Amino acid sequence: MKNFEIGIIGGTGGIGRWFDPFFKGAGYTVHVTGRHSGMSLDDLARTCPVVIVSVPIEATLEVIAEIGPKMKKYSLLMDFTSLKEEPVQAMLHHSSSEVMGCHPLFGPDVPSITDQNIILCPARVDAWKEWPKEIFEGSGARVTETTPKRHDEIMAVVQGLNHFNAMMMGLTLRDAGMDNGEIERFSTPNFTSRLAIVEKTFKTPRLHSEIIIRNPDIANILDLYEENLSQLKRLIREGDIEGMTALLTEEGSSMEFGYFNHHSQAVMPKVCGTRWRK
């Protein structure tokens, strides 16, 4: 099923650009369209049975609204956005084509798709139901299918909490007024790796801000963060080592670290699917 062409809107940068050679390497003809380059959206929809929207989050809904009505009924419209509920609903609303949300959980700096996670959100699919999974798994990726709602719930933790934590660390280091060179001389490998994450977050502030703020489930996670921060601050100010130790070792608190390797399905619902303890 390689005798068709793939169009990537926004394929001149970021993850869209990464997938251009990926699809070409798999034997497909790829047409990349940027703001000022490539074929028109009319030509792209007419030429390509598969069109993927891979633009910044702030432009995604606008682009979907433009390309959607141009898609043929039996074609496939996808997106690579970091959030899924709004883009998938927009693709369903603006097109009569088949629709599948897709979130590659890696950046354009990875050398290979092998062992990388990809999330698929089938929304309106029939003839195209298996193709995305087959091409990604066939290249060594780990593919998970879920709903847009569940995707965004989990991304509130995996991306939202993660990026928020990096922002908090960066802002705190900035306000602490310590010399960067001195910090470097005192750094452990663990701290150095955390600094690299902070630096990456602050290099693309708008992207990470949008990922956090536009996630519909981030408020609950930040409430949880604030509750735990307040509790830890109190224990520290009181010098309560036993209390902090007890907090970190009570049932459920350790999160069974290592669950990303062995227990993700069992643990993640505790984070996103239930109300935390007071």
Protein backbone atom coordinates (compact mmCIF):
# COMPACT_ATOMS: atom_id res chain seq x y z
CA MET A 1 0.00 0.00 0.00
CA LYS A 2 2.81 2.35 -0.89
CA ASN A 3 1.53 3.61 -4.21
CA PHE A 4 0.09 6.79 -2.67
CA GLU A 5 1.48 10.16 -1.69
CA ILE A 6 1.65 11.75 1.76
CA GLY A 7 1.31 15.47 2.46
CA ILE A 8 2.76 17.11 5.56
CA ILE A 9 1.56 20.61 6.41
CA GLY A 10 4.31 22.19 8.44
CA GLY A 11 6.89 19.67 7.34
CA THR A 12 9.61 22.29 6.96
CA GLY A 13 10.35 22.31 10.69
CA GLY A 14 10.13 20.34 13.92
CA ILE A 15 8.63 16.86 14.00
CA GLY A 16 7.03 17.32 10.59
CA ARG A 17 10.45 17.72 9.02
CA TRP A 18 11.63 14.60 10.87
CA PHE A 19 8.85 12.49 9.34
CA ASP A 20 9.58 13.65 5.78
CA PRO A 21 12.63 11.36 5.35
CA PHE A 22 10.98 8.71 7.53
CA PHE A 23 8.07 8.27 5.12
CA LYS A 24 10.35 8.57 2.11
CA GLY A 25 12.57 5.86 3.56
CA ALA A 26 9.50 3.65 3.85
CA GLY A 27 8.88 4.04 0.13
CA TYR A 28 6.33 6.85 -0.02
CA THR A 29 6.34 10.05 -2.02
CA VAL A 30 6.10 12.98 0.40
CA HIS A 31 4.99 16.54 -0.29
CA VAL A 32 5.96 19.10 2.34
CA THR A 33 4.11 22.38 2.64
CA GLY A 34 5.32 25.31 4.75
CA ARG A 35 4.15 28.88 5.23
CA HIS A 36 5.90 30.04 2.09
CA SER A 37 6.86 26.85 0.29
CA GLY A 38 5.39 23.71 -1.22
CA MET A 39 2.14 23.08 -3.03
CA SER A 40 -1.12 24.76 -2.09
CA LEU A 41 -3.53 23.11 0.32
CA ASP A 42 -5.94 22.53 -2.57
CA ASP A 43 -3.26 20.67 -4.51
CA LEU A 44 -2.12 18.81 -1.41
CA ALA A 45 -5.63 17.51 -0.66
CA ARG A 46 -6.17 16.61 -4.30
CA THR A 47 -2.83 14.79 -4.64
CA CYS A 48 -2.37 13.09 -1.26
CA PRO A 49 -4.71 10.47 0.21
CA VAL A 50 -2.96 11.05 3.55
CA VAL A 51 -2.46 14.58 4.88
CA ILE A 52 -0.81 15.28 8.24
CA VAL A 53 -1.09 18.61 10.05
CA SER A 54 2.17 19.34 11.86
CA VAL A 55 2.11 23.01 12.75
CA PRO A 56 2.51 24.92 16.04
CA ILE A 57 -0.32 24.34 18.52
CA GLU A 58 -1.62 27.90 18.16
CA ALA A 59 -2.07 27.45 14.38
CA THR A 60 -3.41 23.88 14.40
CA LEU A 61 -7.15 24.56 14.54
CA GLU A 62 -6.93 27.25 11.87
CA VAL A 63 -5.02 24.97 9.52
CA ILE A 64 -7.43 22.08 10.15
CA ALA A 65 -10.36 24.37 9.37
CA GLU A 66 -8.70 25.24 6.06
CA ILE A 67 -7.56 21.81 4.92
CA GLY A 68 -10.49 19.78 6.30
CA PRO A 69 -13.16 20.75 3.75
CA LYS A 70 -10.72 20.09 0.91
CA MET A 71 -10.09 16.45 1.93
CA LYS A 72 -11.71 13.67 -0.05
CA LYS A 73 -14.14 11.40 1.77
CA TYR A 74 -11.97 8.29 1.60
CA SER A 75 -8.70 10.03 2.43
CA LEU A 76 -7.05 10.24 5.86
CA LEU A 77 -6.52 13.45 7.84
CA MET A 78 -4.07 13.25 10.76
CA ASP A 79 -2.30 15.63 13.11
CA PHE A 80 0.93 15.53 15.13
CA THR A 81 -0.21 17.98 17.82
CA SER A 82 0.82 17.50 21.46
CA LEU A 83 -2.84 17.74 22.54
CA LYS A 84 -5.63 15.72 21.03
CA GLU A 85 -9.18 16.61 22.10
CA GLU A 86 -9.53 19.92 20.26
CA PRO A 87 -7.60 18.96 17.09
CA VAL A 88 -9.46 15.67 16.67
CA GLN A 89 -12.82 17.34 17.18
CA ALA A 90 -11.82 20.00 14.65
CA MET A 91 -10.79 17.38 12.08
CA LEU A 92 -14.10 15.56 12.56
CA HIS A 93 -16.06 18.81 12.25
CA HIS A 94 -14.30 20.32 9.25
CA SER A 95 -13.84 17.22 7.08
CA SER A 96 -15.77 14.25 5.75
CA SER A 97 -12.58 12.21 5.48
CA GLU A 98 -11.31 9.56 7.81
CA VAL A 99 -9.65 11.05 10.91
CA MET A 100 -6.93 9.84 13.26
CA GLY A 101 -5.03 11.85 15.83
CA CYS A 102 -1.34 11.03 16.26
CA HIS A 103 1.20 12.13 18.84
CA PRO A 104 4.83 11.06 18.35
CA LEU A 105 6.27 11.18 21.88
CA PHE A 106 9.73 12.26 20.82
CA GLY A 107 11.42 15.27 19.29
CA PRO A 108 13.23 15.85 16.02
CA ASP A 109 16.59 15.18 17.67
CA VAL A 110 16.11 11.41 17.95
CA PRO A 111 18.02 9.41 15.32
CA SER A 112 15.50 6.60 14.93
CA ILE A 113 11.87 5.74 15.58
CA THR A 114 12.92 2.41 17.07
CA ASP A 115 11.63 2.01 20.66
CA GLN A 116 9.95 5.43 20.58
CA ASN A 117 6.35 5.80 21.79
CA ILE A 118 3.61 6.93 19.43
CA ILE A 119 0.00 7.52 20.44
CA LEU A 120 -2.84 7.01 17.95
CA CYS A 121 -6.37 8.27 18.50
CA PRO A 122 -8.66 6.66 15.91
CA ALA A 123 -11.69 8.89 15.55
CA ARG A 124 -13.37 8.14 12.22
CA VAL A 125 -11.51 5.39 10.45
CA ASP A 126 -12.36 2.45 8.25
CA ALA A 127 -10.08 1.80 5.29
CA TRP A 128 -7.17 3.62 6.97
CA LYS A 129 -7.56 2.08 10.43
CA GLU A 130 -4.49 -0.17 10.31
CA TRP A 131 -2.04 1.74 8.09
CA PRO A 132 -0.59 4.17 10.67
CA LYS A 133 -0.06 1.43 13.24
CA GLU A 134 1.49 -0.89 10.70
CA ILE A 135 4.01 1.61 9.37
CA PHE A 136 5.08 2.80 12.82
CA GLU A 137 5.27 -0.63 14.45
CA GLY A 138 6.93 -2.01 11.34
CA SER A 139 9.72 0.49 11.89
CA GLY A 140 10.18 -0.45 15.54
CA ALA A 141 8.01 2.10 17.35
CA ARG A 142 5.78 1.25 20.32
CA VAL A 143 2.22 2.21 19.35
CA THR A 144 -0.63 2.77 21.79
CA GLU A 145 -4.21 3.47 20.78
CA THR A 146 -6.41 5.55 23.07
CA THR A 147 -9.09 8.23 23.06
CA PRO A 148 -8.26 11.93 22.71
CA LYS A 149 -9.61 12.54 26.20
CA ARG A 150 -7.43 9.89 27.82
CA HIS A 151 -4.43 11.11 25.85
CA ASP A 152 -4.81 14.64 27.21
CA GLU A 153 -5.36 13.37 30.75
CA ILE A 154 -2.07 11.49 30.68
CA MET A 155 -0.24 14.30 28.88
CA ALA A 156 -1.18 16.60 31.76
CA VAL A 157 1.31 14.47 33.73
CA VAL A 158 3.83 13.33 31.14
CA GLN A 159 4.22 16.74 29.51
CA GLY A 160 2.34 19.27 31.62
CA LEU A 161 3.74 18.35 35.03
CA ASN A 162 7.15 17.60 33.55
CA HIS A 163 7.48 20.97 31.79
CA PHE A 164 5.96 22.85 34.73
CA ASN A 165 8.51 21.29 37.05
CA ALA A 166 11.33 22.32 34.70
CA MET A 167 9.98 25.87 34.62
CA MET A 168 9.79 25.98 38.41
CA MET A 169 13.38 24.78 38.72
CA GLY A 170 14.63 27.28 36.14
CA LEU A 171 12.81 30.24 37.67
CA THR A 172 14.00 29.29 41.15
CA LEU A 173 17.62 29.01 40.00
CA ARG A 174 17.32 32.38 38.30
CA ASP A 175 15.93 34.05 41.40
CA ALA A 176 18.47 32.37 43.71
CA GLY A 177 21.16 34.53 42.11
CA MET A 178 23.86 31.87 42.09
CA ASP A 179 26.76 32.03 39.64
CA ASN A 180 26.33 29.51 36.81
CA GLY A 181 30.01 28.66 36.74
CA GLU A 182 30.05 27.92 40.45
CA ILE A 183 26.94 25.77 40.19
CA GLU A 184 28.59 23.80 37.39
CA ARG A 185 31.61 23.03 39.56
CA PHE A 186 29.35 21.65 42.29
CA SER A 187 27.00 19.71 39.98
CA THR A 188 26.33 15.99 40.16
CA PRO A 189 25.54 14.03 36.98
CA ASN A 190 21.89 13.92 38.05
CA PHE A 191 21.73 17.69 38.52
CA THR A 192 23.49 18.29 35.20
CA SER A 193 20.93 16.17 33.38
CA ARG A 194 18.12 18.11 35.06
CA LEU A 195 19.73 21.40 34.01
CA ALA A 196 19.78 20.18 30.41
CA ILE A 197 16.01 19.62 30.60
CA VAL A 198 15.51 23.08 32.09
CA GLU A 199 17.60 24.70 29.36
CA LYS A 200 15.66 22.86 26.66
CA THR A 201 12.38 24.04 28.16
CA PHE A 202 13.50 27.68 28.30
CA LYS A 203 14.80 27.61 24.71
CA THR A 204 11.25 27.11 23.40
CA PRO A 205 9.14 28.91 26.02
CA ARG A 206 6.03 29.42 23.91
CA LEU A 207 5.81 25.77 22.87
CA HIS A 208 6.06 24.54 26.44
CA SER A 209 3.70 27.24 27.70
CA GLU A 210 1.07 26.19 25.17
CA ILE A 211 1.44 22.50 26.01
CA ILE A 212 0.73 23.31 29.66
CA ILE A 213 -1.91 26.01 29.40
CA ARG A 214 -3.96 24.47 26.60
CA ASN A 215 -4.25 21.07 28.27
CA PRO A 216 -7.80 20.83 29.69
CA ASP A 217 -6.66 18.55 32.52
CA ILE A 218 -3.68 20.51 33.82
CA ALA A 219 -5.60 22.33 36.58
CA ASN A 220 -6.15 19.15 38.59
CA ILE A 221 -2.51 18.20 38.31
CA LEU A 222 -1.34 21.64 39.42
CA ASP A 223 -3.73 21.51 42.39
CA LEU A 224 -2.11 18.22 43.35
CA TYR A 225 1.35 19.77 42.90
CA GLU A 226 0.43 22.72 45.08
CA GLU A 227 -1.01 20.52 47.83
CA ASN A 228 2.10 18.38 47.97
CA LEU A 229 4.42 21.41 47.81
CA SER A 230 2.61 22.99 50.74
CA GLN A 231 2.82 19.78 52.72
CA LEU A 232 6.53 19.35 52.05
CA LYS A 233 7.25 22.99 52.90
CA ARG A 234 5.48 22.57 56.24
CA LEU A 235 7.47 19.43 57.07
CA ILE A 236 10.74 21.13 56.15
CA ARG A 237 10.00 24.25 58.20
CA GLU A 238 9.06 22.07 61.15
CA GLY A 239 12.24 20.02 60.77
CA ASP A 240 10.06 16.91 60.64
CA ILE A 241 12.32 14.29 59.07
CA GLU A 242 10.16 11.44 60.33
CA GLY A 243 7.08 13.08 58.91
CA MET A 244 8.66 13.57 55.49
CA THR A 245 9.97 10.01 55.48
CA ALA A 246 6.52 8.73 56.39
CA LEU A 247 4.93 10.81 53.63
CA LEU A 248 7.27 9.37 51.02
CA THR A 249 6.86 5.79 52.18
CA GLU A 250 3.13 5.61 52.87
CA GLU A 251 1.14 3.32 50.61
CA GLY A 252 0.88 4.73 47.10
CA SER A 253 3.26 7.64 47.69
CA SER A 254 6.38 5.99 46.26
CA MET A 255 4.51 5.49 42.98
CA GLU A 256 6.53 2.27 42.71
CA PHE A 257 9.23 4.11 40.78
CA GLY A 258 10.27 1.95 37.90
CA TYR A 259 6.62 1.68 36.89
CA PHE A 260 7.46 3.20 33.52
CA ASN A 261 9.20 -0.07 32.75
CA HIS A 262 6.81 -2.49 34.39
CA HIS A 263 3.63 -1.00 35.83
CA SER A 264 2.50 1.97 33.75
CA GLN A 265 -0.99 0.64 33.09
CA ALA A 266 -1.57 -0.04 36.78
CA VAL A 267 -0.16 3.20 38.14
CA MET A 268 -1.21 5.91 35.70
CA PRO A 269 -4.95 5.62 36.45
CA LYS A 270 -4.10 6.52 40.06
CA VAL A 271 -2.64 9.79 38.83
CA CYS A 272 -5.16 10.86 36.25
CA GLY A 273 -8.30 8.86 36.96
CA THR A 274 -8.99 9.44 40.64
CA ARG A 275 -9.04 12.30 43.12
CA TRP A 276 -5.92 12.57 45.25
CA ARG A 277 -5.95 12.19 48.99
CA LYS A 278 -6.19 15.28 51.17
